[in-house]
Amino acid sequence: MSTDYYRFNKPITSIRIESEGSHDKVSVWVDHAASGTLVVNKGQGYDILKMFVSSEKVLHSYAGPGATAFINKCVLDLSDDEYVISDSGRISMVRDVLSERTLKGA
């Protein structure tokens, strides 16, 4: 099993999706400051989120021998406090992704 992680399009630094009643709230941060919230129909939050995701793959994790998980940094300027999104839609800080795996060379 492998997972790819991507950056958000600049200058977006983070996005959070919350489901409330019949709506999803998509909150966007630009340069680490809250910039606004979109309210969309329930279930459309992740469709909206995809519009803000870069095609630049920054991390790649994969299973190695045994049950060991490895990760490759695909770009060198990736900061530990940067938010990334997995190909399954999970938003995480780089440091949290790296703490779950053994880091291999870029």
PDB file of N, CA and C in Angstrom:
ATOM      1  N   MET A   1       0.833  -1.173   0.000  1.00  0.00           N
ATOM      2  CA  MET A   1       0.000   0.000   0.000  1.00  0.00           C
ATOM      3  C   MET A   1       0.881   1.240   0.000  1.00  0.00           C
ATOM      4  N   SER A   2       0.487   2.242  -0.767  1.00  0.00           N
ATOM      5  CA  SER A   2       1.237   3.491  -0.784  1.00  0.00           C
ATOM      6  C   SER A   2       0.265   4.672  -0.735  1.00  0.00           C
ATOM      7  N   THR A   3       0.781   5.791  -0.258  1.00  0.00           N
ATOM      8  CA  THR A   3      -0.008   7.011  -0.159  1.00  0.00           C
ATOM      9  C   THR A   3       0.826   8.173  -0.649  1.00  0.00           C
ATOM     10  N   ASP A   4       0.235   9.014  -1.476  1.00  0.00           N
ATOM     11  CA  ASP A   4       0.891  10.231  -1.928  1.00  0.00           C
ATOM     12  C   ASP A   4       0.279  11.415  -1.196  1.00  0.00           C
ATOM     13  N   TYR A   5       1.116  12.429  -0.912  1.00  0.00           N
ATOM     14  CA  TYR A   5       0.677  13.648  -0.241  1.00  0.00           C
ATOM     15  C   TYR A   5       0.994  14.836  -1.134  1.00  0.00           C
ATOM     16  N   TYR A   6       0.100  15.814  -1.144  1.00  0.00           N
ATOM     17  CA  TYR A   6       0.217  16.969  -2.024  1.00  0.00           C
ATOM     18  C   TYR A   6       0.122  18.258  -1.228  1.00  0.00           C
ATOM     19  N   ARG A   7       0.703  19.325  -1.774  1.00  0.00           N
ATOM     20  CA  ARG A   7       0.586  20.661  -1.199  1.00  0.00           C
ATOM     21  C   ARG A   7      -0.733  21.286  -1.615  1.00  0.00           C
ATOM     22  N   PHE A   8      -1.109  22.334  -0.878  1.00  0.00           N
ATOM     23  CA  PHE A   8      -2.205  23.191  -1.322  1.00  0.00           C
ATOM     24  C   PHE A   8      -1.637  24.228  -2.278  1.00  0.00           C
ATOM     25  N   ASN A   9      -2.462  24.694  -3.204  1.00  0.00           N
ATOM     26  CA  ASN A   9      -2.032  25.766  -4.108  1.00  0.00           C
ATOM     27  C   ASN A   9      -1.678  26.997  -3.279  1.00  0.00           C
ATOM     28  N   LYS A  10      -0.562  27.633  -3.611  1.00  0.00           N
ATOM     29  CA  LYS A  10      -0.146  28.841  -2.906  1.00  0.00           C
ATOM     30  C   LYS A  10      -1.121  29.959  -3.245  1.00  0.00           C
ATOM     31  N   PRO A  11      -1.430  30.820  -2.301  1.00  0.00           N
ATOM     32  CA  PRO A  11      -0.877  31.013  -0.968  1.00  0.00           C
ATOM     33  C   PRO A  11      -1.645  30.286   0.133  1.00  0.00           C
ATOM     34  N   ILE A  12      -2.492  29.318  -0.205  1.00  0.00           N
ATOM     35  CA  ILE A  12      -3.270  28.585   0.799  1.00  0.00           C
ATOM     36  C   ILE A  12      -2.329  27.738   1.646  1.00  0.00           C
ATOM     37  N   THR A  13      -2.513  27.832   2.975  1.00  0.00           N
ATOM     38  CA  THR A  13      -1.661  27.058   3.878  1.00  0.00           C
ATOM     39  C   THR A  13      -2.415  25.949   4.583  1.00  0.00           C
ATOM     40  N   SER A  14      -3.740  26.043   4.675  1.00  0.00           N
ATOM     41  CA  SER A  14      -4.510  24.977   5.310  1.00  0.00           C
ATOM     42  C   SER A  14      -5.984  25.101   4.937  1.00  0.00           C
ATOM     43  N   ILE A  15      -6.684  23.998   5.053  1.00  0.00           N
ATOM     44  CA  ILE A  15      -8.128  23.954   4.820  1.00  0.00           C
ATOM     45  C   ILE A  15      -8.713  22.975   5.830  1.00  0.00           C
ATOM     46  N   ARG A  16      -9.890  23.315   6.367  1.00  0.00           N
ATOM     47  CA  ARG A  16     -10.584  22.410   7.273  1.00  0.00           C
ATOM     48  C   ARG A  16     -12.020  22.262   6.796  1.00  0.00           C
ATOM     49  N   ILE A  17     -12.523  21.043   6.839  1.00  0.00           N
ATOM     50  CA  ILE A  17     -13.906  20.770   6.454  1.00  0.00           C
ATOM     51  C   ILE A  17     -14.659  20.272   7.677  1.00  0.00           C
ATOM     52  N   GLU A  18     -15.796  20.894   7.946  1.00  0.00           N
ATOM     53  CA  GLU A  18     -16.657  20.474   9.043  1.00  0.00           C
ATOM     54  C   GLU A  18     -18.064  20.264   8.494  1.00  0.00           C
ATOM     55  N   SER A  19     -18.692  19.163   8.880  1.00  0.00           N
ATOM     56  CA  SER A  19     -20.068  18.890   8.469  1.00  0.00           C
ATOM     57  C   SER A  19     -21.005  19.330   9.580  1.00  0.00           C
ATOM     58  N   GLU A  20     -21.992  20.133   9.208  1.00  0.00           N
ATOM     59  CA  GLU A  20     -22.994  20.599  10.167  1.00  0.00           C
ATOM     60  C   GLU A  20     -24.362  20.491   9.516  1.00  0.00           C
ATOM     61  N   GLY A  21     -25.204  19.657  10.085  1.00  0.00           N
ATOM     62  CA  GLY A  21     -26.554  19.524   9.530  1.00  0.00           C
ATOM     63  C   GLY A  21     -26.515  19.102   8.081  1.00  0.00           C
ATOM     64  N   SER A  22     -27.111  19.901   7.230  1.00  0.00           N
ATOM     65  CA  SER A  22     -27.181  19.561   5.806  1.00  0.00           C
ATOM     66  C   SER A  22     -26.107  20.278   4.989  1.00  0.00           C
ATOM     67  N   HIS A  23     -25.069  20.811   5.666  1.00  0.00           N
ATOM     68  CA  HIS A  23     -24.029  21.560   4.959  1.00  0.00           C
ATOM     69  C   HIS A  23     -22.631  21.136   5.393  1.00  0.00           C
ATOM     70  N   ASP A  24     -21.662  21.396   4.527  1.00  0.00           N
ATOM     71  CA  ASP A  24     -20.240  21.301   4.851  1.00  0.00           C
ATOM     72  C   ASP A  24     -19.696  22.720   4.894  1.00  0.00           C
ATOM     73  N   LYS A  25     -18.857  23.003   5.884  1.00  0.00           N
ATOM     74  CA  LYS A  25     -18.160  24.277   5.960  1.00  0.00           C
ATOM     75  C   LYS A  25     -16.714  24.043   5.569  1.00  0.00           C
ATOM     76  N   VAL A  26     -16.248  24.746   4.547  1.00  0.00           N
ATOM     77  CA  VAL A  26     -14.877  24.628   4.064  1.00  0.00           C
ATOM     78  C   VAL A  26     -14.155  25.913   4.459  1.00  0.00           C
ATOM     79  N   SER A  27     -13.330  25.831   5.514  1.00  0.00           N
ATOM     80  CA  SER A  27     -12.602  26.999   6.005  1.00  0.00           C
ATOM     81  C   SER A  27     -11.209  27.009   5.398  1.00  0.00           C
ATOM     82  N   VAL A  28     -10.784  28.180   4.914  1.00  0.00           N
ATOM     83  CA  VAL A  28      -9.523  28.321   4.197  1.00  0.00           C
ATOM     84  C   VAL A  28      -8.607  29.288   4.939  1.00  0.00           C
ATOM     85  N   TRP A  29      -7.314  28.906   5.062  1.00  0.00           N
ATOM     86  CA  TRP A  29      -6.297  29.769   5.639  1.00  0.00           C
ATOM     87  C   TRP A  29      -5.316  30.159   4.539  1.00  0.00           C
ATOM     88  N   VAL A  30      -5.002  31.434   4.461  1.00  0.00           N
ATOM     89  CA  VAL A  30      -4.011  31.951   3.522  1.00  0.00           C
ATOM     90  C   VAL A  30      -2.887  32.558   4.347  1.00  0.00           C
ATOM     91  N   ASP A  31      -1.668  32.134   4.091  1.00  0.00           N
ATOM     92  CA  ASP A  31      -0.500  32.574   4.868  1.00  0.00           C
ATOM     93  C   ASP A  31      -0.761  32.447   6.369  1.00  0.00           C
ATOM     94  N   HIS A  32      -1.337  31.337   6.761  1.00  0.00           N
ATOM     95  CA  HIS A  32      -1.605  30.961   8.155  1.00  0.00           C
ATOM     96  C   HIS A  32      -2.646  31.837   8.848  1.00  0.00           C
ATOM     97  N   ALA A  33      -3.414  32.607   8.090  1.00  0.00           N
ATOM     98  CA  ALA A  33      -4.476  33.432   8.671  1.00  0.00           C
ATOM     99  C   ALA A  33      -5.818  32.963   8.111  1.00  0.00           C
ATOM    100  N   ALA A  34      -6.827  32.865   8.988  1.00  0.00           N
ATOM    101  CA  ALA A  34      -8.166  32.472   8.537  1.00  0.00           C
ATOM    102  C   ALA A  34      -8.641  33.497   7.501  1.00  0.00           C
ATOM    103  N   SER A  35      -9.077  33.008   6.352  1.00  0.00           N
ATOM    104  CA  SER A  35      -9.425  33.903   5.250  1.00  0.00           C
ATOM    105  C   SER A  35     -10.881  33.841   4.846  1.00  0.00           C
ATOM    106  N   GLY A  36     -11.562  32.771   5.186  1.00  0.00           N
ATOM    107  CA  GLY A  36     -12.974  32.696   4.843  1.00  0.00           C
ATOM    108  C   GLY A  36     -13.488  31.274   4.907  1.00  0.00           C
ATOM    109  N   THR A  37     -14.810  31.172   4.877  1.00  0.00           N
ATOM    110  CA  THR A  37     -15.469  29.873   4.945  1.00  0.00           C
ATOM    111  C   THR A  37     -16.529  29.790   3.859  1.00  0.00           C
ATOM    112  N   LEU A  38     -16.494  28.710   3.115  1.00  0.00           N
ATOM    113  CA  LEU A  38     -17.522  28.423   2.121  1.00  0.00           C
ATOM    114  C   LEU A  38     -18.513  27.449   2.734  1.00  0.00           C
ATOM    115  N   VAL A  39     -19.787  27.685   2.540  1.00  0.00           N
ATOM    116  CA  VAL A  39     -20.818  26.768   3.005  1.00  0.00           C
ATOM    117  C   VAL A  39     -21.431  26.122   1.778  1.00  0.00           C
ATOM    118  N   VAL A  40     -21.328  24.793   1.702  1.00  0.00           N
ATOM    119  CA  VAL A  40     -21.806  24.051   0.531  1.00  0.00           C
ATOM    120  C   VAL A  40     -22.698  22.904   1.002  1.00  0.00           C
ATOM    121  N   ASN A  41     -23.382  22.284   0.067  1.00  0.00           N
ATOM    122  CA  ASN A  41     -24.230  21.144   0.411  1.00  0.00           C
ATOM    123  C   ASN A  41     -23.405  20.032   1.040  1.00  0.00           C
ATOM    124  N   LYS A  42     -24.014  19.303   1.962  1.00  0.00           N
ATOM    125  CA  LYS A  42     -23.337  18.194   2.644  1.00  0.00           C
ATOM    126  C   LYS A  42     -22.770  17.220   1.610  1.00  0.00           C
ATOM    127  N   GLY A  43     -21.525  16.833   1.804  1.00  0.00           N
ATOM    128  CA  GLY A  43     -20.870  15.907   0.899  1.00  0.00           C
ATOM    129  C   GLY A  43     -20.080  16.574  -0.204  1.00  0.00           C
ATOM    130  N   GLN A  44     -20.234  17.893  -0.383  1.00  0.00           N
ATOM    131  CA  GLN A  44     -19.511  18.596  -1.443  1.00  0.00           C
ATOM    132  C   GLN A  44     -18.224  19.252  -0.954  1.00  0.00           C
ATOM    133  N   GLY A  45     -17.988  19.202   0.354  1.00  0.00           N
ATOM    134  CA  GLY A  45     -16.799  19.841   0.906  1.00  0.00           C
ATOM    135  C   GLY A  45     -15.508  19.338   0.297  1.00  0.00           C
ATOM    136  N   TYR A  46     -15.386  18.025   0.138  1.00  0.00           N
ATOM    137  CA  TYR A  46     -14.146  17.475  -0.427  1.00  0.00           C
ATOM    138  C   TYR A  46     -14.025  17.753  -1.920  1.00  0.00           C
ATOM    139  N   ASP A  47     -15.141  17.914  -2.620  1.00  0.00           N
ATOM    140  CA  ASP A  47     -15.075  18.322  -4.026  1.00  0.00           C
ATOM    141  C   ASP A  47     -14.520  19.735  -4.138  1.00  0.00           C
ATOM    142  N   ILE A  48     -14.954  20.614  -3.242  1.00  0.00           N
ATOM    143  CA  ILE A  48     -14.446  21.989  -3.216  1.00  0.00           C
ATOM    144  C   ILE A  48     -12.973  21.984  -2.832  1.00  0.00           C
ATOM    145  N   LEU A  49     -12.615  21.185  -1.826  1.00  0.00           N
ATOM    146  CA  LEU A  49     -11.232  21.107  -1.365  1.00  0.00           C
ATOM    147  C   LEU A  49     -10.280  20.750  -2.507  1.00  0.00           C
ATOM    148  N   LYS A  50     -10.686  19.835  -3.368  1.00  0.00           N
ATOM    149  CA  LYS A  50      -9.825  19.387  -4.472  1.00  0.00           C
ATOM    150  C   LYS A  50      -9.425  20.531  -5.395  1.00  0.00           C
ATOM    151  N   MET A  51     -10.239  21.593  -5.448  1.00  0.00           N
ATOM    152  CA  MET A  51      -9.907  22.738  -6.301  1.00  0.00           C
ATOM    153  C   MET A  51      -8.694  23.499  -5.779  1.00  0.00           C
ATOM    154  N   PHE A  52      -8.378  23.324  -4.509  1.00  0.00           N
ATOM    155  CA  PHE A  52      -7.283  24.054  -3.872  1.00  0.00           C
ATOM    156  C   PHE A  52      -6.000  23.229  -3.761  1.00  0.00           C
ATOM    157  N   VAL A  53      -6.011  21.994  -4.250  1.00  0.00           N
ATOM    158  CA  VAL A  53      -4.865  21.089  -4.096  1.00  0.00           C
ATOM    159  C   VAL A  53      -3.967  21.152  -5.326  1.00  0.00           C
ATOM    160  N   SER A  54      -2.684  21.284  -5.084  1.00  0.00           N
ATOM    161  CA  SER A  54      -1.682  21.318  -6.143  1.00  0.00           C
ATOM    162  C   SER A  54      -1.472  19.923  -6.720  1.00  0.00           C
ATOM    163  N   SER A  55      -0.959  19.855  -7.921  1.00  0.00           N
ATOM    164  CA  SER A  55      -0.610  18.563  -8.507  1.00  0.00           C
ATOM    165  C   SER A  55       0.800  18.142  -8.095  1.00  0.00           C
ATOM    166  N   GLU A  56       1.470  18.971  -7.278  1.00  0.00           N
ATOM    167  CA  GLU A  56       2.840  18.687  -6.848  1.00  0.00           C
ATOM    168  C   GLU A  56       2.845  17.684  -5.700  1.00  0.00           C
ATOM    169  N   LYS A  57       3.302  16.484  -5.983  1.00  0.00           N
ATOM    170  CA  LYS A  57       3.438  15.453  -4.951  1.00  0.00           C
ATOM    171  C   LYS A  57       4.662  15.795  -4.111  1.00  0.00           C
ATOM    172  N   VAL A  58       4.482  15.871  -2.781  1.00  0.00           N
ATOM    173  CA  VAL A  58       5.586  16.268  -1.914  1.00  0.00           C
ATOM    174  C   VAL A  58       6.095  15.141  -1.022  1.00  0.00           C
ATOM    175  N   LEU A  59       5.242  14.163  -0.727  1.00  0.00           N
ATOM    176  CA  LEU A  59       5.639  13.004   0.069  1.00  0.00           C
ATOM    177  C   LEU A  59       5.043  11.751  -0.551  1.00  0.00           C
ATOM    178  N   HIS A  60       5.761  10.649  -0.394  1.00  0.00           N
ATOM    179  CA  HIS A  60       5.260   9.358  -0.866  1.00  0.00           C
ATOM    180  C   HIS A  60       5.589   8.322   0.208  1.00  0.00           C
ATOM    181  N   SER A  61       4.570   7.671   0.732  1.00  0.00           N
ATOM    182  CA  SER A  61       4.811   6.627   1.731  1.00  0.00           C
ATOM    183  C   SER A  61       4.455   5.275   1.135  1.00  0.00           C
ATOM    184  N   TYR A  62       5.151   4.259   1.608  1.00  0.00           N
ATOM    185  CA  TYR A  62       4.931   2.916   1.080  1.00  0.00           C
ATOM    186  C   TYR A  62       5.382   1.891   2.108  1.00  0.00           C
ATOM    187  N   ALA A  63       4.868   0.697   1.984  1.00  0.00           N
ATOM    188  CA  ALA A  63       5.230  -0.391   2.884  1.00  0.00           C
ATOM    189  C   ALA A  63       6.501  -1.054   2.383  1.00  0.00           C
ATOM    190  N   GLY A  64       7.376  -1.342   3.305  1.00  0.00           N
ATOM    191  CA  GLY A  64       8.614  -2.020   2.964  1.00  0.00           C
ATOM    192  C   GLY A  64       8.570  -3.456   3.438  1.00  0.00           C
ATOM    193  N   PRO A  65       9.741  -4.088   3.556  1.00  0.00           N
ATOM    194  CA  PRO A  65       9.791  -5.463   4.040  1.00  0.00           C
ATOM    195  C   PRO A  65       9.188  -5.570   5.440  1.00  0.00           C
ATOM    196  N   GLY A  66       8.526  -6.654   5.714  1.00  0.00           N
ATOM    197  CA  GLY A  66       7.848  -6.799   7.000  1.00  0.00           C
ATOM    198  C   GLY A  66       6.677  -5.834   7.045  1.00  0.00           C
ATOM    199  N   ALA A  67       6.496  -5.185   8.165  1.00  0.00           N
ATOM    200  CA  ALA A  67       5.403  -4.220   8.300  1.00  0.00           C
ATOM    201  C   ALA A  67       5.940  -2.800   8.400  1.00  0.00           C
ATOM    202  N   THR A  68       7.206  -2.581   8.038  1.00  0.00           N
ATOM    203  CA  THR A  68       7.817  -1.273   8.153  1.00  0.00           C
ATOM    204  C   THR A  68       7.300  -0.340   7.069  1.00  0.00           C
ATOM    205  N   ALA A  69       6.949   0.884   7.473  1.00  0.00           N
ATOM    206  CA  ALA A  69       6.501   1.889   6.509  1.00  0.00           C
ATOM    207  C   ALA A  69       7.635   2.875   6.267  1.00  0.00           C
ATOM    208  N   PHE A  70       7.817   3.246   5.026  1.00  0.00           N
ATOM    209  CA  PHE A  70       8.860   4.202   4.647  1.00  0.00           C
ATOM    210  C   PHE A  70       8.209   5.403   3.987  1.00  0.00           C
ATOM    211  N   ILE A  71       8.925   6.518   3.987  1.00  0.00           N
ATOM    212  CA  ILE A  71       8.422   7.713   3.321  1.00  0.00           C
ATOM    213  C   ILE A  71       9.566   8.396   2.593  1.00  0.00           C
ATOM    214  N   ASN A  72       9.286   8.891   1.409  1.00  0.00           N
ATOM    215  CA  ASN A  72      10.243   9.666   0.640  1.00  0.00           C
ATOM    216  C   ASN A  72       9.746  11.101   0.568  1.00  0.00           C
ATOM    217  N   LYS A  73      10.650  12.051   0.822  1.00  0.00           N
ATOM    218  CA  LYS A  73      10.342  13.453   0.585  1.00  0.00           C
ATOM    219  C   LYS A  73      10.601  13.700  -0.899  1.00  0.00           C
ATOM    220  N   CYS A  74       9.589  14.136  -1.602  1.00  0.00           N
ATOM    221  CA  CYS A  74       9.733  14.362  -3.036  1.00  0.00           C
ATOM    222  C   CYS A  74      10.223  15.768  -3.348  1.00  0.00           C
ATOM    223  N   VAL A  75      10.107  16.688  -2.388  1.00  0.00           N
ATOM    224  CA  VAL A  75      10.632  18.044  -2.557  1.00  0.00           C
ATOM    225  C   VAL A  75      11.453  18.382  -1.316  1.00  0.00           C
ATOM    226  N   LEU A  76      12.504  19.164  -1.497  1.00  0.00           N
ATOM    227  CA  LEU A  76      13.412  19.435  -0.393  1.00  0.00           C
ATOM    228  C   LEU A  76      12.978  20.601   0.481  1.00  0.00           C
ATOM    229  N   ASP A  77      12.183  21.527  -0.055  1.00  0.00           N
ATOM    230  CA  ASP A  77      11.816  22.728   0.713  1.00  0.00           C
ATOM    231  C   ASP A  77      10.551  22.531   1.541  1.00  0.00           C
ATOM    232  N   LEU A  78      10.220  21.316   1.879  1.00  0.00           N
ATOM    233  CA  LEU A  78       9.012  21.007   2.634  1.00  0.00           C
ATOM    234  C   LEU A  78       9.256  21.247   4.126  1.00  0.00           C
ATOM    235  N   SER A  79       8.437  22.095   4.719  1.00  0.00           N
ATOM    236  CA  SER A  79       8.570  22.448   6.126  1.00  0.00           C
ATOM    237  C   SER A  79       7.762  21.487   6.992  1.00  0.00           C
ATOM    238  N   ASP A  80       8.260  21.194   8.196  1.00  0.00           N
ATOM    239  CA  ASP A  80       7.557  20.285   9.105  1.00  0.00           C
ATOM    240  C   ASP A  80       6.195  20.820   9.538  1.00  0.00           C
ATOM    241  N   ASP A  81       6.017  22.155   9.521  1.00  0.00           N
ATOM    242  CA  ASP A  81       4.740  22.728   9.958  1.00  0.00           C
ATOM    243  C   ASP A  81       3.796  23.031   8.797  1.00  0.00           C
ATOM    244  N   GLU A  82       4.138  22.548   7.614  1.00  0.00           N
ATOM    245  CA  GLU A  82       3.274  22.730   6.439  1.00  0.00           C
ATOM    246  C   GLU A  82       2.170  21.670   6.448  1.00  0.00           C
ATOM    247  N   TYR A  83       0.984  22.074   6.018  1.00  0.00           N
ATOM    248  CA  TYR A  83      -0.124  21.130   5.887  1.00  0.00           C
ATOM    249  C   TYR A  83      -0.095  20.511   4.500  1.00  0.00           C
ATOM    250  N   VAL A  84      -0.370  19.210   4.450  1.00  0.00           N
ATOM    251  CA  VAL A  84      -0.457  18.484   3.184  1.00  0.00           C
ATOM    252  C   VAL A  84      -1.742  17.664   3.200  1.00  0.00           C
ATOM    253  N   ILE A  85      -2.137  17.213   2.019  1.00  0.00           N
ATOM    254  CA  ILE A  85      -3.347  16.395   1.915  1.00  0.00           C
ATOM    255  C   ILE A  85      -2.998  15.099   1.201  1.00  0.00           C
ATOM    256  N   SER A  86      -3.492  13.990   1.726  1.00  0.00           N
ATOM    257  CA  SER A  86      -3.212  12.685   1.125  1.00  0.00           C
ATOM    258  C   SER A  86      -4.148  12.454  -0.048  1.00  0.00           C
ATOM    259  N   ASP A  87      -3.815  11.465  -0.866  1.00  0.00           N
ATOM    260  CA  ASP A  87      -4.681  11.147  -1.998  1.00  0.00           C
ATOM    261  C   ASP A  87      -6.038  10.620  -1.549  1.00  0.00           C
ATOM    262  N   SER A  88      -6.168  10.285  -0.253  1.00  0.00           N
ATOM    263  CA  SER A  88      -7.474   9.854   0.269  1.00  0.00           C
ATOM    264  C   SER A  88      -8.244  11.008   0.912  1.00  0.00           C
ATOM    265  N   GLY A  89      -7.647  12.222   0.935  1.00  0.00           N
ATOM    266  CA  GLY A  89      -8.340  13.390   1.465  1.00  0.00           C
ATOM    267  C   GLY A  89      -8.019  13.729   2.905  1.00  0.00           C
ATOM    268  N   ARG A  90      -7.069  13.033   3.514  1.00  0.00           N
ATOM    269  CA  ARG A  90      -6.683  13.316   4.905  1.00  0.00           C
ATOM    270  C   ARG A  90      -5.719  14.495   4.946  1.00  0.00           C
ATOM    271  N   ILE A  91      -6.049  15.519   5.753  1.00  0.00           N
ATOM    272  CA  ILE A  91      -5.201  16.697   5.899  1.00  0.00           C
ATOM    273  C   ILE A  91      -4.354  16.523   7.153  1.00  0.00           C
ATOM    274  N   SER A  92      -3.030  16.676   7.002  1.00  0.00           N
ATOM    275  CA  SER A  92      -2.101  16.465   8.114  1.00  0.00           C
ATOM    276  C   SER A  92      -0.952  17.451   8.017  1.00  0.00           C
ATOM    277  N   MET A  93      -0.290  17.661   9.157  1.00  0.00           N
ATOM    278  CA  MET A  93       0.968  18.414   9.130  1.00  0.00           C
ATOM    279  C   MET A  93       2.069  17.446   8.703  1.00  0.00           C
ATOM    280  N   VAL A  94       3.068  17.973   8.020  1.00  0.00           N
ATOM    281  CA  VAL A  94       4.176  17.146   7.553  1.00  0.00           C
ATOM    282  C   VAL A  94       4.827  16.415   8.726  1.00  0.00           C
ATOM    283  N   ARG A  95       5.017  17.087   9.859  1.00  0.00           N
ATOM    284  CA  ARG A  95       5.671  16.441  11.013  1.00  0.00           C
ATOM    285  C   ARG A  95       4.881  15.233  11.500  1.00  0.00           C
ATOM    286  N   ASP A  96       3.541  15.296  11.402  1.00  0.00           N
ATOM    287  CA  ASP A  96       2.733  14.162  11.835  1.00  0.00           C
ATOM    288  C   ASP A  96       2.859  12.986  10.877  1.00  0.00           C
ATOM    289  N   VAL A  97       2.932  13.280   9.598  1.00  0.00           N
ATOM    290  CA  VAL A  97       3.112  12.216   8.604  1.00  0.00           C
ATOM    291  C   VAL A  97       4.468  11.561   8.809  1.00  0.00           C
ATOM    292  N   LEU A  98       5.503  12.379   8.987  1.00  0.00           N
ATOM    293  CA  LEU A  98       6.854  11.841   9.147  1.00  0.00           C
ATOM    294  C   LEU A  98       7.007  11.048  10.444  1.00  0.00           C
ATOM    295  N   SER A  99       6.292  11.424  11.492  1.00  0.00           N
ATOM    296  CA  SER A  99       6.430  10.719  12.768  1.00  0.00           C
ATOM    297  C   SER A  99       5.847   9.314  12.716  1.00  0.00           C
ATOM    298  N   GLU A 100       4.998   9.053  11.732  1.00  0.00           N
ATOM    299  CA  GLU A 100       4.382   7.731  11.595  1.00  0.00           C
ATOM    300  C   GLU A 100       5.236   6.758  10.792  1.00  0.00           C
ATOM    301  N   ARG A 101       6.308   7.243  10.209  1.00  0.00           N
ATOM    302  CA  ARG A 101       7.067   6.412   9.273  1.00  0.00           C
ATOM    303  C   ARG A 101       8.570   6.639   9.418  1.00  0.00           C
ATOM    304  N   THR A 102       9.348   5.787   8.785  1.00  0.00           N
ATOM    305  CA  THR A 102      10.800   5.933   8.714  1.00  0.00           C
ATOM    306  C   THR A 102      11.139   6.750   7.469  1.00  0.00           C
ATOM    307  N   LEU A 103      11.880   7.844   7.643  1.00  0.00           N
ATOM    308  CA  LEU A 103      12.202   8.718   6.518  1.00  0.00           C
ATOM    309  C   LEU A 103      13.356   8.142   5.708  1.00  0.00           C
ATOM    310  N   LYS A 104      13.161   8.065   4.407  1.00  0.00           N
ATOM    311  CA  LYS A 104      14.198   7.652   3.477  1.00  0.00           C
ATOM    312  C   LYS A 104      14.655   8.880   2.687  1.00  0.00           C
ATOM    313  N   GLY A 105      15.750   8.791   1.986  1.00  0.00           N
ATOM    314  CA  GLY A 105      16.283   9.910   1.211  1.00  0.00           C
ATOM    315  C   GLY A 105      15.318  10.393   0.143  1.00  0.00           C
ATOM    316  N   ALA A 106      15.471  11.651  -0.233  1.00  0.00           N
ATOM    317  CA  ALA A 106      14.590  12.251  -1.253  1.00  0.00           C
ATOM    318  C   ALA A 106      14.883  11.703  -2.613  1.00  0.00           C
TER     319      ALA A 106
END
